[in-house]
Amino acid sequence: MSTETSTGTKTGAAAGPGSRCGPKIPVQSGGSSERPPLDTATQMSRYKRSRSIWIILLVAAAAVVWSLQGTGVSISNIIAGWDGARQIAEGLFPPQVDQELLRSVAKAALETLQISIAALFFGTVMGLALAVTMAGNMNAPRWLSTAARMVATMFRSVPELLWALVFVAVVGLGPAAGVYAISLHAAGLLAKLVSEQLEAVDPAPVEAMRLTGASRLATGVLSIIPQARNNIASLVLYQWECNIRSSVVIGFVGAGGIGQALGIAMRLFRYQELATLMIALLFLVLAVDQISRLLRRRMGAVTR
């Protein structure tokens, strides 16, 4: 009896209030994960952010409508000029493929390639020099950095076409004027983009170099530029592609290349010759794009 009593007592003690085996009270699944109500400040902040987004969208939509009305862009203009476009399209076929024209087109395409490479060389040299001077973490003197920034802004603010007109008046018609024109604009553009890449590098290695007592030149050459070199190379290759297209545009004002031949063919209404030149330009742009992609892949970029 004593054993049963003691056992019952122990069992009862084990099954005390803390370990009841009765029916469990259901608990709401979301009871413990309910978010507390937002305070007034948070609600007002979200309301202001949402209102700002809607205001920006409305202003952008109004600007687009205003621009379309101011420039006279409409579907009716396209429909009204459809007959002229159809006549030009019909005149392009079949492209002219006689041997003399093909030799002339090949020469113009090679001249365009030469303009783009020469302009890339001069533009890269000037652009990198300006970028190193402009970058804030390179610690150039303030007066020199400000002067470099103003020069780069002037170079890229003036379009290549206007630079081409200036250099055609200075050095005469031909590809040299195109090289000078594209070089200046490319230098200004590369100066801005490369300086931003230099300023975006990881500052920890830069500070570590400076703490060791390294000079400005050593810090830039050994710490800043190596971190940004792949991005800089990609920008230079992209600028080469832009130079190809720019050389076509400035050719219309006599700056040489395939653009000059395109302008002559259009003014003389030689549409079949124009079609041959356009096909040659397409192949040239595709070839440069593939070469640029191959080089970027060799540098470690993920391309398709």
Protein backbone atom coordinates (compact mmCIF):
# COMPACT_ATOMS: atom_id res chain seq x y z
CA MET A 1 0.00 0.00 0.00
CA SER A 2 2.72 2.32 0.88
CA THR A 3 4.42 1.68 -2.44
CA GLU A 4 1.23 2.37 -4.39
CA THR A 5 0.64 5.49 -2.37
CA SER A 6 4.08 6.79 -2.93
CA THR A 7 3.92 5.93 -6.62
CA GLY A 8 0.60 7.66 -6.98
CA THR A 9 1.97 10.64 -5.16
CA LYS A 10 4.95 10.83 -7.49
CA THR A 11 2.77 10.44 -10.53
CA GLY A 12 0.47 13.12 -9.37
CA ALA A 13 3.38 15.38 -8.71
CA ALA A 14 4.75 14.74 -12.17
CA ALA A 15 1.39 15.48 -13.74
CA GLY A 16 1.00 18.79 -12.04
CA PRO A 17 -0.40 22.00 -13.39
CA GLY A 18 2.63 22.53 -15.60
CA SER A 19 2.05 19.35 -17.64
CA ARG A 20 -1.71 18.99 -18.00
CA CYS A 21 -2.89 16.44 -20.54
CA GLY A 22 -6.34 17.89 -21.05
CA PRO A 23 -7.64 19.44 -24.25
CA LYS A 24 -5.37 22.11 -25.66
CA ILE A 25 -6.66 25.59 -26.15
CA PRO A 26 -6.42 26.51 -29.87
CA VAL A 27 -4.02 29.32 -30.65
CA GLN A 28 -4.44 31.57 -33.66
CA SER A 29 -1.68 30.94 -36.18
CA GLY A 30 -1.04 34.60 -36.84
CA GLY A 31 -1.42 35.70 -33.26
CA SER A 32 2.26 35.91 -32.48
CA SER A 33 3.30 37.24 -35.94
CA GLU A 34 0.83 40.10 -36.24
CA ARG A 35 2.59 43.34 -37.10
CA PRO A 36 2.06 46.14 -34.68
CA PRO A 37 0.15 49.08 -36.09
CA LEU A 38 2.34 51.67 -37.79
CA ASP A 39 2.86 54.85 -35.88
CA THR A 40 1.72 58.17 -37.27
CA ALA A 41 5.23 59.26 -38.34
CA THR A 42 5.77 56.11 -40.43
CA GLN A 43 2.38 56.45 -42.09
CA MET A 44 3.06 60.08 -42.95
CA SER A 45 6.49 59.19 -44.35
CA ARG A 46 4.99 56.51 -46.61
CA TYR A 47 2.25 58.88 -47.70
CA LYS A 48 4.74 61.61 -48.60
CA ARG A 49 6.93 59.14 -50.50
CA SER A 50 3.96 57.84 -52.47
CA ARG A 51 2.78 61.36 -53.21
CA SER A 52 6.26 62.36 -54.39
CA ILE A 53 6.39 59.40 -56.78
CA TRP A 54 3.02 60.32 -58.26
CA ILE A 55 4.07 63.95 -58.64
CA ILE A 56 7.27 62.91 -60.47
CA LEU A 57 5.30 60.62 -62.79
CA LEU A 58 2.78 63.36 -63.57
CA VAL A 59 5.54 65.90 -64.26
CA ALA A 60 7.33 63.39 -66.53
CA ALA A 61 4.11 62.62 -68.41
CA ALA A 62 3.40 66.33 -68.84
CA ALA A 63 6.95 66.89 -70.13
CA VAL A 64 6.54 64.08 -72.69
CA VAL A 65 3.20 65.45 -73.92
CA TRP A 66 4.62 68.97 -74.09
CA SER A 67 7.65 67.75 -76.06
CA LEU A 68 5.54 65.74 -78.51
CA GLN A 69 3.28 68.70 -79.17
CA GLY A 70 6.20 71.11 -79.50
CA THR A 71 8.06 68.93 -82.01
CA GLY A 72 4.99 68.04 -84.06
CA VAL A 73 5.40 64.28 -83.64
CA SER A 74 2.27 62.37 -84.62
CA ILE A 75 1.11 59.29 -86.46
CA SER A 76 -0.36 61.46 -89.21
CA ASN A 77 3.11 62.71 -90.18
CA ILE A 78 4.33 59.15 -90.66
CA ILE A 79 1.26 58.22 -92.70
CA ALA A 80 1.59 61.33 -94.86
CA GLY A 81 5.24 60.54 -95.66
CA TRP A 82 4.66 56.86 -96.32
CA ASP A 83 4.68 57.26 -100.12
CA GLY A 84 8.08 58.94 -100.09
CA ALA A 85 9.51 56.29 -97.77
CA ARG A 86 8.15 53.55 -100.04
CA GLN A 87 9.78 55.11 -103.09
CA ILE A 88 13.15 55.31 -101.32
CA ALA A 89 12.85 51.71 -100.11
CA GLU A 90 12.04 50.53 -103.63
CA GLY A 91 15.00 52.47 -105.00
CA LEU A 92 17.41 50.71 -102.62
CA PHE A 93 16.88 47.32 -104.26
CA PRO A 94 18.78 45.72 -105.75
CA PRO A 95 22.03 47.10 -104.27
CA GLN A 96 24.70 48.08 -106.76
CA VAL A 97 27.52 45.52 -106.79
CA ASP A 98 29.83 46.44 -109.66
CA GLN A 99 33.54 45.98 -109.02
CA GLU A 100 34.48 49.64 -109.14
CA LEU A 101 31.87 50.58 -106.57
CA LEU A 102 32.82 47.69 -104.29
CA ARG A 103 36.46 48.81 -104.32
CA SER A 104 35.35 52.36 -103.49
CA VAL A 105 33.12 51.13 -100.66
CA ALA A 106 35.89 48.94 -99.22
CA LYS A 107 38.27 51.92 -99.28
CA ALA A 108 35.71 54.13 -97.52
CA ALA A 109 35.04 51.44 -94.89
CA LEU A 110 38.76 51.06 -94.18
CA GLU A 111 39.08 54.84 -93.91
CA THR A 112 36.22 54.85 -91.39
CA LEU A 113 38.01 52.17 -89.36
CA GLN A 114 41.23 54.20 -89.45
CA ILE A 115 39.39 57.31 -88.26
CA SER A 116 37.84 55.42 -85.35
CA ILE A 117 41.13 53.85 -84.21
CA ALA A 118 43.17 57.06 -84.51
CA ALA A 119 40.46 59.02 -82.69
CA LEU A 120 40.33 56.34 -80.00
CA PHE A 121 44.07 56.64 -79.44
CA PHE A 122 44.12 60.42 -79.06
CA GLY A 123 40.84 60.48 -77.14
CA THR A 124 41.99 57.80 -74.69
CA VAL A 125 45.31 59.51 -74.02
CA MET A 126 43.69 62.88 -73.35
CA GLY A 127 40.71 61.39 -71.52
CA LEU A 128 42.78 59.29 -69.12
CA ALA A 129 45.03 62.24 -68.33
CA LEU A 130 42.00 64.41 -67.56
CA ALA A 131 40.31 61.61 -65.57
CA VAL A 132 43.31 61.03 -63.31
CA THR A 133 43.44 64.76 -62.65
CA MET A 134 39.69 65.04 -62.03
CA ALA A 135 39.21 62.04 -59.70
CA GLY A 136 38.81 63.14 -56.11
CA ASN A 137 40.71 60.24 -54.58
CA MET A 138 43.78 60.96 -56.71
CA ASN A 139 44.29 64.12 -54.60
CA ALA A 140 45.40 66.40 -57.43
CA PRO A 141 45.68 70.11 -56.58
CA ARG A 142 42.28 71.76 -56.52
CA TRP A 143 43.11 74.34 -59.18
CA LEU A 144 44.38 71.62 -61.52
CA SER A 145 41.36 69.39 -60.90
CA THR A 146 38.97 72.27 -61.55
CA ALA A 147 40.74 73.21 -64.76
CA ALA A 148 40.70 69.61 -66.00
CA ARG A 149 36.99 69.32 -65.22
CA MET A 150 36.22 72.49 -67.19
CA VAL A 151 38.24 71.29 -70.18
CA ALA A 152 36.52 67.89 -70.16
CA THR A 153 33.11 69.55 -69.93
CA MET A 154 33.91 71.77 -72.90
CA PHE A 155 35.15 68.81 -74.97
CA ARG A 156 32.03 66.69 -74.47
CA SER A 157 29.52 69.55 -74.55
CA VAL A 158 30.31 70.37 -78.18
CA PRO A 159 28.93 67.65 -80.52
CA GLU A 160 31.28 65.82 -82.88
CA LEU A 161 29.47 67.34 -85.85
CA LEU A 162 30.26 70.88 -84.71
CA TRP A 163 33.87 69.96 -83.96
CA ALA A 164 34.03 68.45 -87.46
CA LEU A 165 32.83 71.70 -89.03
CA VAL A 166 35.50 73.59 -87.11
CA PHE A 167 38.32 71.25 -88.13
CA VAL A 168 37.14 71.04 -91.76
CA ALA A 169 37.54 74.82 -91.85
CA VAL A 170 40.96 74.54 -90.18
CA VAL A 171 42.63 71.55 -91.90
CA GLY A 172 40.34 71.08 -94.88
CA LEU A 173 38.20 68.19 -96.06
CA GLY A 174 39.30 64.65 -95.31
CA PRO A 175 39.68 62.09 -92.55
CA ALA A 176 42.13 64.17 -90.48
CA ALA A 177 39.34 66.58 -89.57
CA GLY A 178 37.22 63.62 -88.46
CA VAL A 179 40.00 62.25 -86.27
CA TYR A 180 40.46 65.58 -84.47
CA ALA A 181 36.72 66.09 -84.02
CA ILE A 182 35.99 62.65 -82.59
CA SER A 183 39.13 62.74 -80.41
CA LEU A 184 38.05 65.83 -78.52
CA HIS A 185 34.52 64.61 -77.85
CA ALA A 186 35.78 61.14 -76.86
CA ALA A 187 38.33 62.68 -74.50
CA GLY A 188 35.67 64.67 -72.69
CA LEU A 189 33.34 61.69 -72.39
CA LEU A 190 36.05 59.26 -71.24
CA ALA A 191 37.35 61.80 -68.73
CA LYS A 192 33.99 61.93 -66.99
CA LEU A 193 33.26 58.19 -67.06
CA VAL A 194 36.77 57.05 -66.10
CA SER A 195 37.03 59.57 -63.25
CA GLU A 196 33.79 58.18 -61.83
CA GLN A 197 35.20 54.65 -62.05
CA LEU A 198 38.34 55.76 -60.23
CA GLU A 199 36.32 57.39 -57.47
CA ALA A 200 34.16 54.26 -57.03
CA VAL A 201 37.01 51.90 -56.07
CA ASP A 202 37.26 50.29 -52.63
CA PRO A 203 38.80 52.95 -50.33
CA ALA A 204 40.35 50.45 -47.88
CA PRO A 205 43.41 49.54 -50.02
CA VAL A 206 43.85 53.22 -50.88
CA GLU A 207 43.94 54.24 -47.21
CA ALA A 208 46.29 51.36 -46.42
CA MET A 209 48.72 52.60 -49.07
CA ARG A 210 48.57 56.13 -47.74
CA LEU A 211 49.19 54.99 -44.16
CA THR A 212 52.42 53.36 -45.32
CA GLY A 213 53.62 56.77 -46.51
CA ALA A 214 53.16 56.15 -50.25
CA SER A 215 53.09 59.18 -52.51
CA ARG A 216 50.09 60.29 -54.55
CA LEU A 217 51.53 58.78 -57.69
CA ALA A 218 52.31 55.45 -56.05
CA THR A 219 48.86 55.28 -54.45
CA GLY A 220 47.15 55.94 -57.75
CA VAL A 221 49.28 53.57 -59.81
CA LEU A 222 49.37 50.69 -57.32
CA SER A 223 46.00 50.94 -55.57
CA ILE A 224 43.39 52.99 -57.44
CA ILE A 225 44.00 52.27 -61.12
CA PRO A 226 44.43 48.46 -60.74
CA GLN A 227 40.99 48.20 -59.12
CA ALA A 228 39.31 50.07 -61.99
CA ARG A 229 41.35 48.83 -64.96
CA ASN A 230 38.79 46.29 -66.22
CA ASN A 231 35.97 48.85 -66.17
CA ILE A 232 38.22 51.41 -67.82
CA ALA A 233 39.12 48.96 -70.58
CA SER A 234 35.43 48.22 -71.14
CA LEU A 235 34.69 51.94 -71.44
CA VAL A 236 37.50 52.39 -73.96
CA LEU A 237 36.18 49.53 -76.09
CA TYR A 238 32.67 50.97 -75.96
CA GLN A 239 34.07 54.33 -77.04
CA TRP A 240 35.60 52.59 -80.07
CA GLU A 241 32.14 51.40 -81.10
CA CYS A 242 30.83 54.95 -80.64
CA ASN A 243 33.68 56.30 -82.79
CA ILE A 244 32.57 54.09 -85.69
CA ARG A 245 29.07 55.57 -85.60
CA SER A 246 30.33 59.11 -85.03
CA SER A 247 32.70 58.88 -88.00
CA VAL A 248 29.70 58.09 -90.21
CA VAL A 249 27.81 61.16 -89.00
CA ILE A 250 30.68 63.63 -89.38
CA GLY A 251 31.37 62.26 -92.85
CA PHE A 252 28.31 64.16 -94.06
CA VAL A 253 30.18 67.44 -93.56
CA GLY A 254 33.25 66.25 -95.47
CA ALA A 255 35.26 64.59 -92.70
CA GLY A 256 35.99 61.48 -94.75
CA GLY A 257 35.07 57.84 -94.36
CA ILE A 258 32.00 55.97 -95.39
CA GLY A 259 29.80 58.78 -94.10
CA GLN A 260 31.09 61.13 -96.78
CA ALA A 261 30.26 58.55 -99.45
CA LEU A 262 26.78 58.13 -97.94
CA GLY A 263 26.19 61.88 -98.08
CA ILE A 264 27.23 62.08 -101.73
CA ALA A 265 25.02 59.13 -102.70
CA MET A 266 22.01 60.64 -100.93
CA ARG A 267 22.46 64.09 -102.48
CA LEU A 268 22.76 62.57 -105.96
CA PHE A 269 19.78 60.20 -105.38
CA ARG A 270 21.92 57.11 -106.03
CA TYR A 271 19.81 54.84 -103.88
CA GLN A 272 21.28 51.54 -105.09
CA GLU A 273 24.76 52.80 -104.27
CA LEU A 274 23.37 54.00 -100.93
CA ALA A 275 22.11 50.48 -100.20
CA THR A 276 25.57 49.01 -100.83
CA LEU A 277 27.15 51.56 -98.51
CA MET A 278 24.58 50.85 -95.78
CA ILE A 279 25.25 47.10 -96.00
CA ALA A 280 29.00 47.73 -95.76
CA LEU A 281 28.43 49.95 -92.71
CA LEU A 282 26.30 47.27 -91.08
CA PHE A 283 29.04 44.65 -91.52
CA LEU A 284 31.65 47.08 -90.20
CA VAL A 285 29.66 47.83 -87.05
CA LEU A 286 28.97 44.13 -86.45
CA ALA A 287 32.66 43.28 -86.85
CA VAL A 288 33.75 45.96 -84.38
CA ASP A 289 31.08 44.84 -81.93
CA GLN A 290 32.28 41.22 -82.10
CA ILE A 291 35.92 42.24 -81.64
CA SER A 292 34.99 44.39 -78.65
CA ARG A 293 32.97 41.56 -77.13
CA LEU A 294 35.84 39.12 -77.61
CA LEU A 295 38.31 41.45 -75.95
CA ARG A 296 35.98 42.07 -73.01
CA ARG A 297 35.50 38.33 -72.60
CA ARG A 298 39.27 37.88 -72.51
CA MET A 299 39.38 40.44 -69.71
CA GLY A 300 36.89 38.39 -67.65
CA ALA A 301 33.62 40.11 -68.50
CA VAL A 302 30.50 37.92 -68.75
CA THR A 303 29.21 38.32 -72.31
CA ARG A 304 27.02 36.35 -74.70
